[in-house]
């Protein structure tokens, strides 16, 4: 797979606690499309259907209609994006592509990231 875009939702394998196996989980790509074209790594944040988990005031809630699905992708359930859990993943680990998060929701995610790392909000 190639051509990953900023705002794209993809599935990655997440290891179980005991590291004996993995389960596919959705993540949001926050790295720029330009960076994604240059690097074999993606900068991502996780997404969960456990809406009350984590640091709730920093979770960004996503409804199914906030995502434009790729053809053949399954509709997502109401979920929470956790922008305070940034990590990198090798592109070769991407199991499936889900769709593109709408710009307004992505803006919310980026505002939380800026807050968490102590940058001034953009105007």
N, C-alpha and C. Protein backbone atom coordinates (compact mmCIF):
# COMPACT_ATOMS: atom_id res chain seq x y z
N UNK A 1 0.84 -1.18 0.00
CA UNK A 1 0.00 0.00 0.00
C UNK A 1 0.88 1.24 0.00
N UNK A 2 0.38 2.27 -0.67
CA UNK A 2 1.15 3.52 -0.72
C UNK A 2 0.19 4.69 -0.83
N UNK A 3 0.74 5.89 -0.83
CA UNK A 3 -0.06 7.09 -0.99
C UNK A 3 -0.92 7.43 0.22
N UNK A 4 -0.40 7.20 1.42
CA UNK A 4 -1.18 7.48 2.62
C UNK A 4 -1.34 8.99 2.81
N UNK A 5 -2.54 9.39 3.20
CA UNK A 5 -2.87 10.80 3.34
C UNK A 5 -3.05 11.21 4.79
N UNK A 6 -2.70 12.46 5.07
CA UNK A 6 -3.05 13.02 6.37
C UNK A 6 -4.58 12.98 6.47
N UNK A 7 -5.10 12.69 7.65
CA UNK A 7 -6.53 12.55 7.95
C UNK A 7 -7.08 11.16 7.61
N UNK A 8 -6.23 10.26 7.11
CA UNK A 8 -6.71 8.93 6.73
C UNK A 8 -6.77 8.01 7.95
N UNK A 9 -7.83 7.22 8.01
CA UNK A 9 -7.98 6.18 9.03
C UNK A 9 -7.56 4.86 8.42
N UNK A 10 -6.70 4.13 9.15
CA UNK A 10 -6.22 2.83 8.68
C UNK A 10 -6.25 1.85 9.86
N UNK A 11 -6.14 0.56 9.54
CA UNK A 11 -6.05 -0.47 10.58
C UNK A 11 -4.61 -0.91 10.75
N UNK A 12 -4.18 -1.00 12.01
CA UNK A 12 -2.85 -1.51 12.36
C UNK A 12 -3.01 -2.65 13.36
N UNK A 13 -2.07 -3.59 13.37
CA UNK A 13 -2.12 -4.64 14.39
C UNK A 13 -1.60 -4.10 15.73
N UNK A 14 -2.41 -4.24 16.78
CA UNK A 14 -1.99 -3.84 18.12
C UNK A 14 -1.72 -5.10 18.93
N UNK A 15 -0.55 -5.20 19.56
CA UNK A 15 -0.25 -6.41 20.34
C UNK A 15 -1.09 -6.50 21.61
N UNK A 16 -1.41 -7.72 21.99
CA UNK A 16 -2.06 -7.95 23.27
C UNK A 16 -1.05 -7.67 24.37
N UNK A 17 -1.51 -7.49 25.60
CA UNK A 17 -0.63 -7.15 26.72
C UNK A 17 0.53 -8.12 26.86
N UNK A 18 0.29 -9.41 26.67
CA UNK A 18 1.35 -10.41 26.85
C UNK A 18 2.20 -10.58 25.59
N UNK A 19 1.93 -9.74 24.57
CA UNK A 19 2.68 -9.73 23.30
C UNK A 19 2.62 -11.06 22.54
N UNK A 20 1.58 -11.84 22.77
CA UNK A 20 1.39 -13.11 22.04
C UNK A 20 0.20 -12.97 21.12
N UNK A 21 0.38 -12.27 20.04
CA UNK A 21 -0.70 -12.04 19.09
C UNK A 21 -1.06 -10.57 19.01
N UNK A 22 -1.93 -10.25 18.07
CA UNK A 22 -2.32 -8.86 17.86
C UNK A 22 -3.75 -8.80 17.33
N UNK A 23 -4.36 -7.64 17.48
CA UNK A 23 -5.71 -7.42 17.01
C UNK A 23 -5.74 -6.14 16.18
N UNK A 24 -6.43 -6.13 15.04
CA UNK A 24 -6.50 -4.90 14.23
C UNK A 24 -7.22 -3.79 14.97
N UNK A 25 -6.63 -2.60 14.95
CA UNK A 25 -7.22 -1.43 15.59
C UNK A 25 -7.09 -0.23 14.66
N UNK A 26 -8.09 0.66 14.67
CA UNK A 26 -8.00 1.85 13.81
C UNK A 26 -7.11 2.93 14.41
N UNK A 27 -6.42 3.63 13.53
CA UNK A 27 -5.61 4.79 13.90
C UNK A 27 -5.85 5.89 12.87
N UNK A 28 -5.59 7.12 13.28
CA UNK A 28 -5.67 8.28 12.41
C UNK A 28 -4.26 8.73 12.06
N UNK A 29 -4.00 8.92 10.78
CA UNK A 29 -2.69 9.43 10.34
C UNK A 29 -2.70 10.95 10.52
N UNK A 30 -1.76 11.46 11.34
CA UNK A 30 -1.66 12.91 11.56
C UNK A 30 -0.46 13.52 10.84
N UNK A 31 0.49 12.70 10.42
CA UNK A 31 1.63 13.22 9.67
C UNK A 31 1.15 13.73 8.31
N UNK A 32 1.86 14.71 7.77
CA UNK A 32 1.45 15.31 6.51
C UNK A 32 1.58 14.32 5.35
N UNK A 33 0.77 14.53 4.34
CA UNK A 33 0.82 13.68 3.15
C UNK A 33 2.21 13.74 2.52
N UNK A 34 2.84 14.90 2.55
CA UNK A 34 4.19 15.04 2.01
C UNK A 34 5.18 14.19 2.80
N UNK A 35 5.12 14.28 4.13
CA UNK A 35 5.98 13.46 4.97
C UNK A 35 5.74 11.98 4.69
N UNK A 36 4.48 11.59 4.59
CA UNK A 36 4.14 10.19 4.35
C UNK A 36 4.74 9.67 3.05
N UNK A 37 4.84 10.54 2.05
CA UNK A 37 5.43 10.14 0.76
C UNK A 37 6.94 9.95 0.87
N UNK A 38 7.58 10.68 1.80
CA UNK A 38 9.04 10.63 1.94
C UNK A 38 9.53 9.55 2.89
N UNK A 39 8.68 9.16 3.83
CA UNK A 39 9.10 8.28 4.91
C UNK A 39 8.42 6.92 4.82
N UNK A 40 9.04 5.92 5.42
CA UNK A 40 8.34 4.63 5.50
C UNK A 40 7.52 4.53 6.79
N UNK A 41 7.62 5.59 7.62
CA UNK A 41 6.87 5.65 8.87
C UNK A 41 5.68 6.61 8.73
N UNK A 42 4.64 6.34 9.52
CA UNK A 42 3.48 7.21 9.63
C UNK A 42 3.39 7.67 11.09
N UNK A 43 3.00 8.92 11.31
CA UNK A 43 2.73 9.41 12.67
C UNK A 43 1.21 9.28 12.84
N UNK A 44 0.80 8.55 13.89
CA UNK A 44 -0.61 8.22 14.05
C UNK A 44 -1.06 8.42 15.50
N UNK A 45 -2.38 8.45 15.68
CA UNK A 45 -2.99 8.44 17.00
C UNK A 45 -4.09 7.39 16.99
N UNK A 46 -4.31 6.71 18.13
CA UNK A 46 -5.29 5.63 18.17
C UNK A 46 -6.73 6.12 18.27
N UNK A 47 -7.62 5.20 17.95
CA UNK A 47 -9.05 5.44 17.98
C UNK A 47 -9.69 4.26 18.69
N UNK A 48 -10.71 4.50 19.51
CA UNK A 48 -11.36 3.43 20.26
C UNK A 48 -12.86 3.65 20.33
N UNK A 49 -13.61 2.57 20.48
CA UNK A 49 -15.06 2.69 20.71
C UNK A 49 -15.36 2.81 22.20
N UNK A 50 -14.34 2.72 23.04
CA UNK A 50 -14.51 2.90 24.49
C UNK A 50 -14.46 4.41 24.77
N UNK A 51 -15.60 5.06 24.65
CA UNK A 51 -15.68 6.51 24.68
C UNK A 51 -15.25 7.13 26.00
N UNK A 52 -15.36 6.40 27.08
CA UNK A 52 -15.03 6.93 28.40
C UNK A 52 -13.59 6.63 28.82
N UNK A 53 -12.81 6.01 27.95
CA UNK A 53 -11.45 5.62 28.34
C UNK A 53 -10.48 6.78 28.15
N UNK A 54 -9.36 6.67 28.83
CA UNK A 54 -8.30 7.65 28.66
C UNK A 54 -8.60 8.97 29.35
N UNK A 55 -8.03 10.04 28.83
CA UNK A 55 -8.21 11.38 29.37
C UNK A 55 -9.37 12.00 28.61
N UNK A 56 -10.56 11.84 29.15
CA UNK A 56 -11.80 12.17 28.43
C UNK A 56 -11.84 13.59 27.88
N UNK A 57 -11.32 14.56 28.64
CA UNK A 57 -11.40 15.95 28.15
C UNK A 57 -10.51 16.19 26.92
N UNK A 58 -9.60 15.27 26.64
CA UNK A 58 -8.75 15.39 25.45
C UNK A 58 -9.17 14.45 24.33
N UNK A 59 -10.11 13.57 24.58
CA UNK A 59 -10.62 12.70 23.51
C UNK A 59 -11.42 13.53 22.51
N UNK A 60 -11.33 13.18 21.24
CA UNK A 60 -12.14 13.82 20.19
C UNK A 60 -13.15 12.77 19.72
N UNK A 61 -14.43 13.06 19.95
CA UNK A 61 -15.48 12.12 19.57
C UNK A 61 -15.75 12.19 18.08
N UNK A 62 -15.91 11.01 17.48
CA UNK A 62 -16.12 10.89 16.03
C UNK A 62 -17.38 10.06 15.80
N UNK A 63 -18.28 10.62 15.02
CA UNK A 63 -19.49 9.92 14.60
C UNK A 63 -19.24 9.26 13.25
N UNK A 64 -20.01 8.23 12.91
CA UNK A 64 -19.83 7.59 11.60
C UNK A 64 -19.88 8.56 10.42
N UNK A 65 -20.70 9.61 10.52
CA UNK A 65 -20.80 10.55 9.39
C UNK A 65 -19.65 11.56 9.34
N UNK A 66 -18.67 11.45 10.25
CA UNK A 66 -17.48 12.30 10.22
C UNK A 66 -16.37 11.72 9.34
N UNK A 67 -16.64 10.57 8.74
CA UNK A 67 -15.62 9.87 7.93
C UNK A 67 -16.18 9.53 6.55
N UNK A 68 -15.43 9.90 5.52
CA UNK A 68 -15.77 9.47 4.15
C UNK A 68 -15.05 8.15 3.92
N UNK A 69 -15.82 7.08 3.82
CA UNK A 69 -15.25 5.73 3.71
C UNK A 69 -14.70 5.46 2.32
N UNK A 70 -13.61 4.69 2.28
CA UNK A 70 -13.11 4.17 1.01
C UNK A 70 -14.07 3.07 0.55
N UNK A 71 -14.17 2.84 -0.76
CA UNK A 71 -15.06 1.77 -1.26
C UNK A 71 -14.72 0.43 -0.60
N UNK A 72 -15.75 -0.25 -0.12
CA UNK A 72 -15.57 -1.56 0.49
C UNK A 72 -15.23 -1.53 1.97
N UNK A 73 -14.98 -0.35 2.53
CA UNK A 73 -14.65 -0.25 3.95
C UNK A 73 -15.91 -0.35 4.79
N UNK A 74 -15.76 -0.94 5.97
CA UNK A 74 -16.88 -1.05 6.90
C UNK A 74 -17.14 0.28 7.59
N UNK A 75 -18.40 0.60 7.78
CA UNK A 75 -18.80 1.81 8.50
C UNK A 75 -18.23 1.75 9.93
N UNK A 76 -17.71 2.88 10.39
CA UNK A 76 -17.17 2.92 11.75
C UNK A 76 -18.29 3.16 12.76
N UNK A 77 -18.05 2.76 14.00
CA UNK A 77 -18.98 3.05 15.09
C UNK A 77 -18.54 4.35 15.75
N UNK A 78 -19.43 4.94 16.55
CA UNK A 78 -19.05 6.13 17.31
C UNK A 78 -17.78 5.80 18.08
N UNK A 79 -16.79 6.69 17.98
CA UNK A 79 -15.47 6.40 18.53
C UNK A 79 -14.86 7.64 19.16
N UNK A 80 -13.76 7.42 19.86
CA UNK A 80 -12.97 8.51 20.43
C UNK A 80 -11.55 8.41 19.89
N UNK A 81 -11.07 9.51 19.33
CA UNK A 81 -9.67 9.60 18.91
C UNK A 81 -8.90 10.12 20.12
N UNK A 82 -7.72 9.54 20.36
CA UNK A 82 -6.89 9.92 21.50
C UNK A 82 -5.63 10.64 21.01
N UNK A 83 -5.74 11.97 20.77
CA UNK A 83 -4.62 12.72 20.21
C UNK A 83 -3.40 12.82 21.12
N UNK A 84 -3.53 12.47 22.37
CA UNK A 84 -2.42 12.55 23.33
C UNK A 84 -1.58 11.28 23.33
N UNK A 85 -1.88 10.33 22.44
CA UNK A 85 -1.12 9.08 22.36
C UNK A 85 -0.45 8.95 20.99
N UNK A 86 0.33 9.94 20.62
CA UNK A 86 1.05 9.92 19.34
C UNK A 86 2.07 8.80 19.30
N UNK A 87 2.17 8.12 18.15
CA UNK A 87 3.25 7.15 17.95
C UNK A 87 3.50 6.99 16.46
N UNK A 88 4.58 6.30 16.13
CA UNK A 88 4.89 6.05 14.72
C UNK A 88 4.67 4.57 14.42
N UNK A 89 4.36 4.30 13.16
CA UNK A 89 4.17 2.92 12.70
C UNK A 89 4.71 2.80 11.28
N UNK A 90 5.33 1.68 11.01
CA UNK A 90 5.83 1.41 9.66
C UNK A 90 4.64 1.18 8.73
N UNK A 91 4.70 1.79 7.55
CA UNK A 91 3.62 1.65 6.57
C UNK A 91 3.32 0.19 6.23
N UNK A 92 4.34 -0.66 6.30
CA UNK A 92 4.14 -2.07 5.93
C UNK A 92 3.20 -2.78 6.90
N UNK A 93 2.95 -2.19 8.06
CA UNK A 93 2.05 -2.80 9.04
C UNK A 93 0.57 -2.50 8.77
N UNK A 94 0.28 -1.55 7.88
CA UNK A 94 -1.11 -1.19 7.60
C UNK A 94 -1.83 -2.39 6.99
N UNK A 95 -2.93 -2.78 7.65
CA UNK A 95 -3.69 -3.96 7.23
C UNK A 95 -4.84 -3.60 6.29
N UNK A 96 -5.41 -2.40 6.45
CA UNK A 96 -6.54 -1.97 5.61
C UNK A 96 -6.69 -0.46 5.73
N UNK A 97 -7.32 0.11 4.72
CA UNK A 97 -7.63 1.54 4.70
C UNK A 97 -9.12 1.70 4.94
N UNK A 98 -9.47 2.66 5.79
CA UNK A 98 -10.87 2.84 6.17
C UNK A 98 -11.51 4.02 5.46
N UNK A 99 -10.88 5.19 5.55
CA UNK A 99 -11.46 6.39 4.94
C UNK A 99 -10.73 7.63 5.40
N UNK A 100 -11.36 8.77 5.13
CA UNK A 100 -10.77 10.08 5.43
C UNK A 100 -11.65 10.81 6.45
N UNK A 101 -11.03 11.28 7.53
CA UNK A 101 -11.74 12.05 8.54
C UNK A 101 -12.01 13.46 8.00
N UNK A 102 -13.20 13.98 8.24
CA UNK A 102 -13.54 15.33 7.78
C UNK A 102 -12.61 16.36 8.40
N UNK A 103 -12.38 17.44 7.65
CA UNK A 103 -11.42 18.47 8.05
C UNK A 103 -11.74 19.10 9.40
N UNK A 104 -13.02 19.34 9.70
CA UNK A 104 -13.36 19.98 10.97
C UNK A 104 -12.97 19.10 12.16
N UNK A 105 -13.20 17.80 12.05
CA UNK A 105 -12.82 16.87 13.13
C UNK A 105 -11.30 16.77 13.23
N UNK A 106 -10.63 16.75 12.07
CA UNK A 106 -9.17 16.70 12.10
C UNK A 106 -8.62 17.95 12.78
N UNK A 107 -9.26 19.10 12.55
CA UNK A 107 -8.85 20.34 13.21
C UNK A 107 -8.94 20.21 14.72
N UNK A 108 -9.99 19.54 15.22
CA UNK A 108 -10.12 19.30 16.66
C UNK A 108 -8.96 18.46 17.17
N UNK A 109 -8.62 17.42 16.42
CA UNK A 109 -7.51 16.54 16.81
C UNK A 109 -6.21 17.34 16.90
N UNK A 110 -5.96 18.16 15.89
CA UNK A 110 -4.72 18.93 15.87
C UNK A 110 -4.69 19.98 16.99
N UNK A 111 -5.84 20.55 17.33
CA UNK A 111 -5.88 21.51 18.45
C UNK A 111 -5.50 20.81 19.76
N UNK A 112 -5.99 19.59 19.96
CA UNK A 112 -5.64 18.85 21.18
C UNK A 112 -4.14 18.53 21.19
N UNK A 113 -3.60 18.09 20.05
CA UNK A 113 -2.16 17.80 19.98
C UNK A 113 -1.36 19.05 20.35
N UNK A 114 -1.73 20.20 19.80
CA UNK A 114 -1.02 21.45 20.10
C UNK A 114 -1.11 21.77 21.59
N UNK A 115 -2.26 21.55 22.19
CA UNK A 115 -2.44 21.80 23.63
C UNK A 115 -1.57 20.87 24.45
N UNK A 116 -1.58 19.60 24.10
CA UNK A 116 -0.83 18.59 24.86
C UNK A 116 0.68 18.86 24.83
N UNK A 117 1.18 19.29 23.68
CA UNK A 117 2.63 19.52 23.60
C UNK A 117 3.02 20.96 23.90
N UNK A 118 2.03 21.79 24.29
CA UNK A 118 2.33 23.14 24.77
C UNK A 118 2.55 24.18 23.70
N UNK A 119 2.00 23.98 22.50
CA UNK A 119 2.09 24.99 21.45
C UNK A 119 0.87 25.91 21.53
N UNK A 120 1.06 27.13 21.11
CA UNK A 120 -0.06 28.07 21.10
C UNK A 120 -1.06 27.66 20.04
N UNK A 121 -2.34 27.83 20.32
CA UNK A 121 -3.37 27.49 19.32
C UNK A 121 -3.22 28.35 18.07
N UNK A 122 -3.54 27.78 16.92
CA UNK A 122 -3.55 28.57 15.68
C UNK A 122 -4.82 29.39 15.64
N UNK A 123 -4.76 30.52 14.98
CA UNK A 123 -5.94 31.39 14.88
C UNK A 123 -6.66 31.14 13.59
